[in-house]
Amino acid sequence: MLLSVLLQTAGAVDFVAISAGLVIAVTVIFAALGISKIAVATMDNMARQPEVAPDLRMSMIISAALVEGVALFAIVVAGFIL
């Protein structure tokens, strides 16, 4: 009896939506970690060599944009799954 009730409720759960939501959450978390790691490395190098700060800042912005673009692409793909 309990097994039949569990199987009926499991059939009502939309696992595709749950997995897409999980993919989006993991993508956002790892994109934030990647961008923060880029920022930490850039700030550390700016503190060591202040004369190259403008070049490092531009490289940081480009790298962060590339990471954000990959994250946005993953979110759009996960959104199409829904």
PDB file of N, CA and C in Angstrom:
ATOM      1  N   MET A   1       0.824  -1.186   0.000  1.00  0.00           N
ATOM      2  CA  MET A   1       0.000   0.000   0.000  1.00  0.00           C
ATOM      3  C   MET A   1       0.872   1.255   0.000  1.00  0.00           C
ATOM      4  N   LEU A   2       1.860   1.280   0.899  1.00  0.00           N
ATOM      5  CA  LEU A   2       2.729   2.435   0.978  1.00  0.00           C
ATOM      6  C   LEU A   2       3.538   2.601  -0.316  1.00  0.00           C
ATOM      7  N   LEU A   3       3.964   1.498  -0.884  1.00  0.00           N
ATOM      8  CA  LEU A   3       4.729   1.551  -2.124  1.00  0.00           C
ATOM      9  C   LEU A   3       3.902   2.128  -3.265  1.00  0.00           C
ATOM     10  N   SER A   4       2.650   1.756  -3.342  1.00  0.00           N
ATOM     11  CA  SER A   4       1.805   2.290  -4.412  1.00  0.00           C
ATOM     12  C   SER A   4       1.559   3.787  -4.239  1.00  0.00           C
ATOM     13  N   VAL A   5       1.434   4.249  -3.019  1.00  0.00           N
ATOM     14  CA  VAL A   5       1.264   5.687  -2.768  1.00  0.00           C
ATOM     15  C   VAL A   5       2.540   6.435  -3.142  1.00  0.00           C
ATOM     16  N   LEU A   6       3.693   5.899  -2.785  1.00  0.00           N
ATOM     17  CA  LEU A   6       4.958   6.543  -3.134  1.00  0.00           C
ATOM     18  C   LEU A   6       5.173   6.587  -4.643  1.00  0.00           C
ATOM     19  N   LEU A   7       4.812   5.525  -5.336  1.00  0.00           N
ATOM     20  CA  LEU A   7       4.956   5.512  -6.783  1.00  0.00           C
ATOM     21  C   LEU A   7       4.015   6.500  -7.457  1.00  0.00           C
ATOM     22  N   GLN A   8       2.829   6.687  -6.912  1.00  0.00           N
ATOM     23  CA  GLN A   8       1.897   7.649  -7.485  1.00  0.00           C
ATOM     24  C   GLN A   8       2.397   9.079  -7.281  1.00  0.00           C
ATOM     25  N   THR A   9       2.951   9.376  -6.107  1.00  0.00           N
ATOM     26  CA  THR A   9       3.456  10.726  -5.873  1.00  0.00           C
ATOM     27  C   THR A   9       4.750  10.975  -6.645  1.00  0.00           C
ATOM     28  N   ALA A  10       5.556   9.947  -6.839  1.00  0.00           N
ATOM     29  CA  ALA A  10       6.787  10.110  -7.612  1.00  0.00           C
ATOM     30  C   ALA A  10       6.476  10.383  -9.077  1.00  0.00           C
ATOM     31  N   GLY A  11       5.367   9.878  -9.562  1.00  0.00           N
ATOM     32  CA  GLY A  11       4.980  10.139 -10.941  1.00  0.00           C
ATOM     33  C   GLY A  11       4.561  11.580 -11.158  1.00  0.00           C
ATOM     34  N   ALA A  12       4.123  12.274 -10.087  1.00  0.00           N
ATOM     35  CA  ALA A  12       3.680  13.660 -10.208  1.00  0.00           C
ATOM     36  C   ALA A  12       4.841  14.648 -10.158  1.00  0.00           C
ATOM     37  N   VAL A  13       6.002  14.213  -9.709  1.00  0.00           N
ATOM     38  CA  VAL A  13       7.156  15.106  -9.603  1.00  0.00           C
ATOM     39  C   VAL A  13       7.795  15.276 -10.973  1.00  0.00           C
ATOM     40  N   ASP A  14       8.090  16.521 -11.311  1.00  0.00           N
ATOM     41  CA  ASP A  14       8.717  16.829 -12.591  1.00  0.00           C
ATOM     42  C   ASP A  14      10.228  16.882 -12.406  1.00  0.00           C
ATOM     43  N   PHE A  15      10.893  15.770 -12.705  1.00  0.00           N
ATOM     44  CA  PHE A  15      12.328  15.685 -12.488  1.00  0.00           C
ATOM     45  C   PHE A  15      13.115  16.542 -13.473  1.00  0.00           C
ATOM     46  N   VAL A  16      12.540  16.848 -14.609  1.00  0.00           N
ATOM     47  CA  VAL A  16      13.223  17.694 -15.585  1.00  0.00           C
ATOM     48  C   VAL A  16      13.364  19.108 -15.036  1.00  0.00           C
ATOM     49  N   ALA A  17      12.311  19.622 -14.421  1.00  0.00           N
ATOM     50  CA  ALA A  17      12.358  20.969 -13.857  1.00  0.00           C
ATOM     51  C   ALA A  17      13.318  21.024 -12.671  1.00  0.00           C
ATOM     52  N   ILE A  18      13.331  19.968 -11.878  1.00  0.00           N
ATOM     53  CA  ILE A  18      14.241  19.934 -10.736  1.00  0.00           C
ATOM     54  C   ILE A  18      15.687  19.891 -11.213  1.00  0.00           C
ATOM     55  N   SER A  19      15.967  19.089 -12.216  1.00  0.00           N
ATOM     56  CA  SER A  19      17.345  18.994 -12.715  1.00  0.00           C
ATOM     57  C   SER A  19      17.774  20.287 -13.404  1.00  0.00           C
ATOM     58  N   ALA A  20      16.880  20.945 -14.120  1.00  0.00           N
ATOM     59  CA  ALA A  20      17.224  22.218 -14.755  1.00  0.00           C
ATOM     60  C   ALA A  20      17.495  23.288 -13.700  1.00  0.00           C
ATOM     61  N   GLY A  21      16.705  23.300 -12.660  1.00  0.00           N
ATOM     62  CA  GLY A  21      16.946  24.241 -11.570  1.00  0.00           C
ATOM     63  C   GLY A  21      18.266  23.979 -10.870  1.00  0.00           C
ATOM     64  N   LEU A  22      18.598  22.717 -10.709  1.00  0.00           N
ATOM     65  CA  LEU A  22      19.867  22.351 -10.090  1.00  0.00           C
ATOM     66  C   LEU A  22      21.040  22.761 -10.975  1.00  0.00           C
ATOM     67  N   VAL A  23      20.913  22.580 -12.274  1.00  0.00           N
ATOM     68  CA  VAL A  23      21.972  22.990 -13.211  1.00  0.00           C
ATOM     69  C   VAL A  23      22.177  24.497 -13.157  1.00  0.00           C
ATOM     70  N   ILE A  24      21.092  25.242 -13.116  1.00  0.00           N
ATOM     71  CA  ILE A  24      21.196  26.702 -13.047  1.00  0.00           C
ATOM     72  C   ILE A  24      21.864  27.137 -11.747  1.00  0.00           C
ATOM     73  N   ALA A  25      21.481  26.521 -10.634  1.00  0.00           N
ATOM     74  CA  ALA A  25      22.070  26.893  -9.347  1.00  0.00           C
ATOM     75  C   ALA A  25      23.561  26.585  -9.298  1.00  0.00           C
ATOM     76  N   VAL A  26      23.948  25.420  -9.776  1.00  0.00           N
ATOM     77  CA  VAL A  26      25.363  25.051  -9.765  1.00  0.00           C
ATOM     78  C   VAL A  26      26.162  25.953 -10.705  1.00  0.00           C
ATOM     79  N   THR A  27      25.588  26.302 -11.837  1.00  0.00           N
ATOM     80  CA  THR A  27      26.264  27.190 -12.782  1.00  0.00           C
ATOM     81  C   THR A  27      26.524  28.553 -12.171  1.00  0.00           C
ATOM     82  N   VAL A  28      25.529  29.096 -11.506  1.00  0.00           N
ATOM     83  CA  VAL A  28      25.682  30.415 -10.887  1.00  0.00           C
ATOM     84  C   VAL A  28      26.727  30.376  -9.776  1.00  0.00           C
ATOM     85  N   ILE A  29      26.716  29.324  -8.975  1.00  0.00           N
ATOM     86  CA  ILE A  29      27.679  29.215  -7.874  1.00  0.00           C
ATOM     87  C   ILE A  29      29.104  29.128  -8.415  1.00  0.00           C
ATOM     88  N   PHE A  30      29.332  28.272  -9.401  1.00  0.00           N
ATOM     89  CA  PHE A  30      30.689  28.113  -9.913  1.00  0.00           C
ATOM     90  C   PHE A  30      31.141  29.323 -10.730  1.00  0.00           C
ATOM     91  N   ALA A  31      30.231  30.014 -11.384  1.00  0.00           N
ATOM     92  CA  ALA A  31      30.607  31.242 -12.091  1.00  0.00           C
ATOM     93  C   ALA A  31      31.036  32.313 -11.086  1.00  0.00           C
ATOM     94  N   ALA A  32      30.306  32.417  -9.983  1.00  0.00           N
ATOM     95  CA  ALA A  32      30.679  33.385  -8.950  1.00  0.00           C
ATOM     96  C   ALA A  32      32.032  33.041  -8.338  1.00  0.00           C
ATOM     97  N   LEU A  33      32.283  31.756  -8.104  1.00  0.00           N
ATOM     98  CA  LEU A  33      33.585  31.349  -7.572  1.00  0.00           C
ATOM     99  C   LEU A  33      34.715  31.637  -8.558  1.00  0.00           C
ATOM    100  N   GLY A  34      34.468  31.402  -9.842  1.00  0.00           N
ATOM    101  CA  GLY A  34      35.489  31.674 -10.854  1.00  0.00           C
ATOM    102  C   GLY A  34      35.812  33.145 -10.975  1.00  0.00           C
ATOM    103  N   ILE A  35      34.781  33.980 -10.973  1.00  0.00           N
ATOM    104  CA  ILE A  35      35.004  35.428 -11.073  1.00  0.00           C
ATOM    105  C   ILE A  35      35.702  35.950  -9.830  1.00  0.00           C
ATOM    106  N   SER A  36      35.327  35.431  -8.655  1.00  0.00           N
ATOM    107  CA  SER A  36      35.995  35.887  -7.435  1.00  0.00           C
ATOM    108  C   SER A  36      37.457  35.459  -7.414  1.00  0.00           C
ATOM    109  N   LYS A  37      37.760  34.286  -7.953  1.00  0.00           N
ATOM    110  CA  LYS A  37      39.156  33.843  -8.017  1.00  0.00           C
ATOM    111  C   LYS A  37      39.952  34.738  -8.965  1.00  0.00           C
ATOM    112  N   ILE A  38      39.360  35.141 -10.071  1.00  0.00           N
ATOM    113  CA  ILE A  38      40.013  36.070 -10.999  1.00  0.00           C
ATOM    114  C   ILE A  38      40.272  37.406 -10.308  1.00  0.00           C
ATOM    115  N   ALA A  39      39.288  37.900  -9.571  1.00  0.00           N
ATOM    116  CA  ALA A  39      39.436  39.189  -8.890  1.00  0.00           C
ATOM    117  C   ALA A  39      40.508  39.132  -7.809  1.00  0.00           C
ATOM    118  N   VAL A  40      40.551  38.040  -7.058  1.00  0.00           N
ATOM    119  CA  VAL A  40      41.566  37.906  -6.004  1.00  0.00           C
ATOM    120  C   VAL A  40      42.964  37.901  -6.604  1.00  0.00           C
ATOM    121  N   ALA A  41      43.156  37.154  -7.664  1.00  0.00           N
ATOM    122  CA  ALA A  41      44.480  37.095  -8.302  1.00  0.00           C
ATOM    123  C   ALA A  41      44.874  38.457  -8.867  1.00  0.00           C
ATOM    124  N   THR A  42      43.905  39.165  -9.442  1.00  0.00           N
ATOM    125  CA  THR A  42      44.203  40.478 -10.010  1.00  0.00           C
ATOM    126  C   THR A  42      44.562  41.478  -8.921  1.00  0.00           C
ATOM    127  N   MET A  43      43.788  41.494  -7.836  1.00  0.00           N
ATOM    128  CA  MET A  43      44.075  42.429  -6.749  1.00  0.00           C
ATOM    129  C   MET A  43      45.422  42.121  -6.097  1.00  0.00           C
ATOM    130  N   ASP A  44      45.758  40.845  -5.987  1.00  0.00           N
ATOM    131  CA  ASP A  44      47.042  40.463  -5.425  1.00  0.00           C
ATOM    132  C   ASP A  44      48.188  40.962  -6.306  1.00  0.00           C
ATOM    133  N   ASN A  45      48.039  40.798  -7.598  1.00  0.00           N
ATOM    134  CA  ASN A  45      49.085  41.269  -8.513  1.00  0.00           C
ATOM    135  C   ASN A  45      49.140  42.784  -8.602  1.00  0.00           C
ATOM    136  N   MET A  46      48.004  43.460  -8.451  1.00  0.00           N
ATOM    137  CA  MET A  46      48.006  44.923  -8.433  1.00  0.00           C
ATOM    138  C   MET A  46      48.722  45.445  -7.196  1.00  0.00           C
ATOM    139  N   ALA A  47      48.580  44.740  -6.076  1.00  0.00           N
ATOM    140  CA  ALA A  47      49.274  45.164  -4.863  1.00  0.00           C
ATOM    141  C   ALA A  47      50.784  44.970  -5.000  1.00  0.00           C
ATOM    142  N   ARG A  48      51.196  43.948  -5.729  1.00  0.00           N
ATOM    143  CA  ARG A  48      52.625  43.706  -5.917  1.00  0.00           C
ATOM    144  C   ARG A  48      53.252  44.663  -6.920  1.00  0.00           C
ATOM    145  N   GLN A  49      52.540  44.937  -8.008  1.00  0.00           N
ATOM    146  CA  GLN A  49      53.072  45.815  -9.052  1.00  0.00           C
ATOM    147  C   GLN A  49      52.012  46.846  -9.435  1.00  0.00           C
ATOM    148  N   PRO A  50      51.951  47.959  -8.710  1.00  0.00           N
ATOM    149  CA  PRO A  50      50.921  48.975  -8.999  1.00  0.00           C
ATOM    150  C   PRO A  50      51.043  49.615 -10.382  1.00  0.00           C
ATOM    151  N   GLU A  51      52.233  49.565 -10.974  1.00  0.00           N
ATOM    152  CA  GLU A  51      52.410  50.226 -12.276  1.00  0.00           C
ATOM    153  C   GLU A  51      51.713  49.495 -13.418  1.00  0.00           C
ATOM    154  N   VAL A  52      51.379  48.238 -13.239  1.00  0.00           N
ATOM    155  CA  VAL A  52      50.679  47.492 -14.286  1.00  0.00           C
ATOM    156  C   VAL A  52      49.185  47.329 -13.973  1.00  0.00           C
ATOM    157  N   ALA A  53      48.680  48.119 -13.042  1.00  0.00           N
ATOM    158  CA  ALA A  53      47.275  47.998 -12.623  1.00  0.00           C
ATOM    159  C   ALA A  53      46.278  48.192 -13.770  1.00  0.00           C
ATOM    160  N   PRO A  54      46.441  49.181 -14.646  1.00  0.00           N
ATOM    161  CA  PRO A  54      45.457  49.329 -15.736  1.00  0.00           C
ATOM    162  C   PRO A  54      45.396  48.118 -16.668  1.00  0.00           C
ATOM    163  N   ASP A  55      46.558  47.553 -16.969  1.00  0.00           N
ATOM    164  CA  ASP A  55      46.576  46.369 -17.845  1.00  0.00           C
ATOM    165  C   ASP A  55      45.922  45.175 -17.162  1.00  0.00           C
ATOM    166  N   LEU A  56      46.213  45.023 -15.878  1.00  0.00           N
ATOM    167  CA  LEU A  56      45.610  43.909 -15.130  1.00  0.00           C
ATOM    168  C   LEU A  56      44.104  44.075 -15.003  1.00  0.00           C
ATOM    169  N   ARG A  57      43.676  45.314 -14.810  1.00  0.00           N
ATOM    170  CA  ARG A  57      42.238  45.571 -14.674  1.00  0.00           C
ATOM    171  C   ARG A  57      41.503  45.204 -15.961  1.00  0.00           C
ATOM    172  N   MET A  58      42.084  45.565 -17.097  1.00  0.00           N
ATOM    173  CA  MET A  58      41.452  45.245 -18.376  1.00  0.00           C
ATOM    174  C   MET A  58      41.426  43.735 -18.600  1.00  0.00           C
ATOM    175  N   SER A  59      42.505  43.057 -18.250  1.00  0.00           N
ATOM    176  CA  SER A  59      42.528  41.599 -18.382  1.00  0.00           C
ATOM    177  C   SER A  59      41.501  40.947 -17.466  1.00  0.00           C
ATOM    178  N   MET A  60      41.332  41.497 -16.263  1.00  0.00           N
ATOM    179  CA  MET A  60      40.349  40.963 -15.329  1.00  0.00           C
ATOM    180  C   MET A  60      38.935  41.126 -15.881  1.00  0.00           C
ATOM    181  N   ILE A  61      38.642  42.260 -16.447  1.00  0.00           N
ATOM    182  CA  ILE A  61      37.300  42.509 -16.982  1.00  0.00           C
ATOM    183  C   ILE A  61      37.006  41.567 -18.148  1.00  0.00           C
ATOM    184  N   ILE A  62      37.984  41.371 -19.012  1.00  0.00           N
ATOM    185  CA  ILE A  62      37.790  40.463 -20.147  1.00  0.00           C
ATOM    186  C   ILE A  62      37.596  39.026 -19.669  1.00  0.00           C
ATOM    187  N   SER A  63      38.416  38.599 -18.720  1.00  0.00           N
ATOM    188  CA  SER A  63      38.293  37.233 -18.193  1.00  0.00           C
ATOM    189  C   SER A  63      36.960  37.023 -17.486  1.00  0.00           C
ATOM    190  N   ALA A  64      36.546  37.998 -16.706  1.00  0.00           N
ATOM    191  CA  ALA A  64      35.252  37.886 -16.012  1.00  0.00           C
ATOM    192  C   ALA A  64      34.099  37.855 -17.010  1.00  0.00           C
ATOM    193  N   ALA A  65      34.217  38.614 -18.086  1.00  0.00           N
ATOM    194  CA  ALA A  65      33.169  38.599 -19.107  1.00  0.00           C
ATOM    195  C   ALA A  65      33.089  37.245 -19.806  1.00  0.00           C
ATOM    196  N   LEU A  66      34.239  36.631 -20.043  1.00  0.00           N
ATOM    197  CA  LEU A  66      34.226  35.306 -20.667  1.00  0.00           C
ATOM    198  C   LEU A  66      33.600  34.259 -19.742  1.00  0.00           C
ATOM    199  N   VAL A  67      33.935  34.314 -18.462  1.00  0.00           N
ATOM    200  CA  VAL A  67      33.335  33.377 -17.506  1.00  0.00           C
ATOM    201  C   VAL A  67      31.830  33.614 -17.419  1.00  0.00           C
ATOM    202  N   GLU A  68      31.438  34.872 -17.391  1.00  0.00           N
ATOM    203  CA  GLU A  68      30.011  35.198 -17.314  1.00  0.00           C
ATOM    204  C   GLU A  68      29.283  34.760 -18.580  1.00  0.00           C
ATOM    205  N   GLY A  69      29.941  34.858 -19.732  1.00  0.00           N
ATOM    206  CA  GLY A  69      29.321  34.403 -20.976  1.00  0.00           C
ATOM    207  C   GLY A  69      29.083  32.906 -20.990  1.00  0.00           C
ATOM    208  N   VAL A  70      30.046  32.150 -20.500  1.00  0.00           N
ATOM    209  CA  VAL A  70      29.868  30.692 -20.424  1.00  0.00           C
ATOM    210  C   VAL A  70      28.747  30.347 -19.462  1.00  0.00           C
ATOM    211  N   ALA A  71      28.689  31.060 -18.336  1.00  0.00           N
ATOM    212  CA  ALA A  71      27.617  30.817 -17.363  1.00  0.00           C
ATOM    213  C   ALA A  71      26.250  31.166 -17.952  1.00  0.00           C
ATOM    214  N   LEU A  72      26.177  32.261 -18.669  1.00  0.00           N
ATOM    215  CA  LEU A  72      24.911  32.647 -19.293  1.00  0.00           C
ATOM    216  C   LEU A  72      24.481  31.623 -20.330  1.00  0.00           C
ATOM    217  N   PHE A  73      25.430  31.114 -21.097  1.00  0.00           N
ATOM    218  CA  PHE A  73      25.124  30.081 -22.086  1.00  0.00           C
ATOM    219  C   PHE A  73      24.585  28.827 -21.403  1.00  0.00           C
ATOM    220  N   ALA A  74      25.188  28.420 -20.298  1.00  0.00           N
ATOM    221  CA  ALA A  74      24.711  27.236 -19.561  1.00  0.00           C
ATOM    222  C   ALA A  74      23.316  27.451 -19.005  1.00  0.00           C
ATOM    223  N   ILE A  75      23.043  28.658 -18.517  1.00  0.00           N
ATOM    224  CA  ILE A  75      21.710  28.945 -17.990  1.00  0.00           C
ATOM    225  C   ILE A  75      20.676  28.928 -19.099  1.00  0.00           C
ATOM    226  N   VAL A  76      21.012  29.464 -20.262  1.00  0.00           N
ATOM    227  CA  VAL A  76      20.061  29.454 -21.389  1.00  0.00           C
ATOM    228  C   VAL A  76      19.789  28.031 -21.844  1.00  0.00           C
ATOM    229  N   VAL A  77      20.831  27.204 -21.910  1.00  0.00           N
ATOM    230  CA  VAL A  77      20.631  25.807 -22.300  1.00  0.00           C
ATOM    231  C   VAL A  77      19.754  25.092 -21.280  1.00  0.00           C
ATOM    232  N   ALA A  78      20.002  25.327 -19.991  1.00  0.00           N
ATOM    233  CA  ALA A  78      19.168  24.711 -18.953  1.00  0.00           C
ATOM    234  C   ALA A  78      17.736  25.240 -19.028  1.00  0.00           C
ATOM    235  N   GLY A  79      17.583  26.487 -19.413  1.00  0.00           N
ATOM    236  CA  GLY A  79      16.239  27.041 -19.572  1.00  0.00           C
ATOM    237  C   GLY A  79      15.485  26.401 -20.725  1.00  0.00           C
ATOM    238  N   PHE A  80      16.183  26.032 -21.777  1.00  0.00           N
ATOM    239  CA  PHE A  80      15.531  25.356 -22.900  1.00  0.00           C
ATOM    240  C   PHE A  80      15.082  23.949 -22.535  1.00  0.00           C
ATOM    241  N   ILE A  81      15.735  23.360 -21.536  1.00  0.00           N
ATOM    242  CA  ILE A  81      15.328  22.041 -21.075  1.00  0.00           C
ATOM    243  C   ILE A  81      13.911  22.101 -20.492  1.00  0.00           C
ATOM    244  N   LEU A  82      13.628  23.219 -19.810  1.00  0.00           N
ATOM    245  CA  LEU A  82      12.298  23.376 -19.233  1.00  0.00           C
ATOM    246  C   LEU A  82      11.258  23.462 -20.320  1.00  0.00           C
TER     247      LEU A  82
END
